Protein backbone atom coordinates (compact mmCIF):
# COMPACT_ATOMS: atom_id res chain seq x y z
CA MET A 1 110.66 58.50 38.84
CA LEU A 2 114.23 57.10 37.92
CA ALA A 3 113.82 58.25 34.34
CA ALA A 4 113.06 61.88 35.44
CA LEU A 5 115.91 61.99 37.95
CA ARG A 6 118.14 60.88 34.73
CA ALA A 7 117.02 63.48 32.67
CA ALA A 8 117.55 66.15 35.37
CA VAL A 9 121.11 64.88 36.10
CA LEU A 10 121.75 65.05 32.18
CA ARG A 11 120.55 68.54 32.06
CA GLN A 12 122.75 69.59 34.70
CA LEU A 13 125.68 67.91 33.17
CA GLY A 14 125.19 69.59 30.26
CA ALA A 15 124.82 72.99 31.76
CA LEU A 16 128.09 72.10 33.64
CA GLU A 17 129.96 71.20 30.40
CA ARG A 18 128.79 74.48 28.71
CA GLU A 19 129.86 76.33 31.78
CA PHE A 20 133.47 74.75 31.80
CA ALA A 21 133.67 75.15 28.13
CA GLY A 22 132.84 78.91 28.96
CA ILE A 23 135.36 79.03 31.47
CA VAL A 24 138.34 77.62 29.26
CA ASP A 25 137.06 79.96 26.34
CA SER A 26 137.56 83.23 28.31
CA ALA A 27 140.49 82.24 30.17
CA GLY A 28 141.82 82.30 26.25
CA SER A 29 145.68 82.20 26.15
CA ALA A 30 145.92 83.66 29.50
CA GLY A 31 144.50 80.27 30.79
CA ALA A 32 147.41 78.89 29.96
CA ASP A 33 149.50 80.74 32.26
CA ASP A 34 147.65 80.89 35.43
CA GLU A 35 150.50 81.55 37.62
CA HIS A 36 151.45 84.83 36.25
CA ASP A 37 148.00 86.39 35.45
CA PRO A 38 146.38 87.97 38.53
CA GLU A 39 142.89 86.39 37.57
CA GLY A 40 144.46 83.11 37.09
CA ALA A 41 144.03 81.65 40.63
CA THR A 42 140.15 82.63 40.06
CA VAL A 43 140.13 81.03 36.98
CA ALA A 44 141.67 77.77 37.88
CA PHE A 45 139.58 77.93 40.95
CA GLU A 46 136.35 78.14 39.00
CA ARG A 47 137.62 75.61 36.69
CA GLN A 48 138.23 73.08 39.01
CA HIS A 49 135.11 73.78 40.99
CA VAL A 50 132.60 73.35 37.82
CA ALA A 51 135.05 70.07 37.02
CA ALA A 52 134.54 68.45 40.26
CA LEU A 53 130.63 69.58 40.20
CA ALA A 54 130.75 67.81 36.70
CA GLY A 55 132.33 64.58 38.11
CA GLN A 56 129.76 64.30 40.87
CA ALA A 57 127.06 64.44 38.54
CA ARG A 58 128.86 61.82 36.01
CA GLU A 59 128.87 59.56 39.40
CA ARG A 60 125.32 60.32 40.10
CA LEU A 61 124.27 59.56 36.43
CA ALA A 62 126.22 56.07 36.64
CA GLN A 63 124.50 55.27 40.03
CA ILE A 64 121.34 56.25 38.54
CA ASP A 65 121.84 53.89 35.17
CA ALA A 66 122.79 51.04 37.86
CA ALA A 67 119.69 51.53 39.51
CA LEU A 68 117.95 51.23 36.24
CA ARG A 69 119.34 48.00 35.86
CA ARG A 70 118.49 46.84 38.74
CA LEU A 71 115.05 47.68 38.58
CA ALA A 72 114.99 45.87 35.09
CA GLY A 73 116.53 42.79 36.58
CA GLY A 74 114.39 42.78 39.55
CA SER A 75 116.33 43.53 42.26
CA TYR A 76 115.47 47.27 42.83
CA GLY A 77 115.03 48.02 46.54
CA LEU A 78 117.15 45.62 47.57
CA CYS A 79 120.55 46.25 49.24
CA VAL A 80 123.30 45.12 46.91
CA THR A 81 125.34 44.45 50.02
CA CYS A 82 122.88 42.45 52.29
CA GLY A 83 120.23 41.54 50.32
CA GLN A 84 117.49 43.29 52.54
CA PRO A 85 115.00 45.87 51.45
CA VAL A 86 115.94 49.08 51.45
CA ALA A 87 113.65 51.62 53.44
CA ALA A 88 110.91 53.18 51.19
CA ALA A 89 111.71 56.29 52.67
CA ARG A 90 115.66 56.19 51.66
CA LEU A 91 114.83 55.28 48.11
CA ALA A 92 112.55 58.23 48.19
CA ALA A 93 115.01 60.31 49.12
CA ARG A 94 117.94 58.90 47.11
CA PRO A 95 116.41 56.64 44.27
CA GLU A 96 119.69 55.34 42.90
CA THR A 97 120.72 54.42 46.19
CA ALA A 98 121.95 50.76 46.25
CA THR A 99 122.37 49.97 49.93
CA CYS A 100 120.26 50.00 52.78
CA ILE A 101 121.11 52.44 55.77
CA THR A 102 123.00 49.92 57.66
CA CYS A 103 125.27 48.72 55.22
CA ALA A 104 125.67 52.45 53.70
CA THR A 105 126.76 53.29 57.71
CA ARG A 106 129.24 50.48 57.96
CA ARG A 107 131.23 51.64 54.67
CA ARG A 108 131.95 54.67 56.42
């Protein structure tokens, strides 16, 4: 399941990176002067939005890779904070999670 999730996130990240490059390419030299371009604010917003989504995808990929290391090390499914088992429903909803719900709630 983690490997399939990793592949899906990699596909998503690739699509976001292509979209970002397309936004930058389409802006051309006008993208260098968003302040004076009537479309500049929109282009800048789109660029930042896609960049933020790509950053979130990279973070999720890092979490999945960490979960794969825990799986290989035999500690997958155990909270990295308290060592107690992570509920099966939590792992089913978010397989890369590293903490139980109690510890995750405390961190907020």
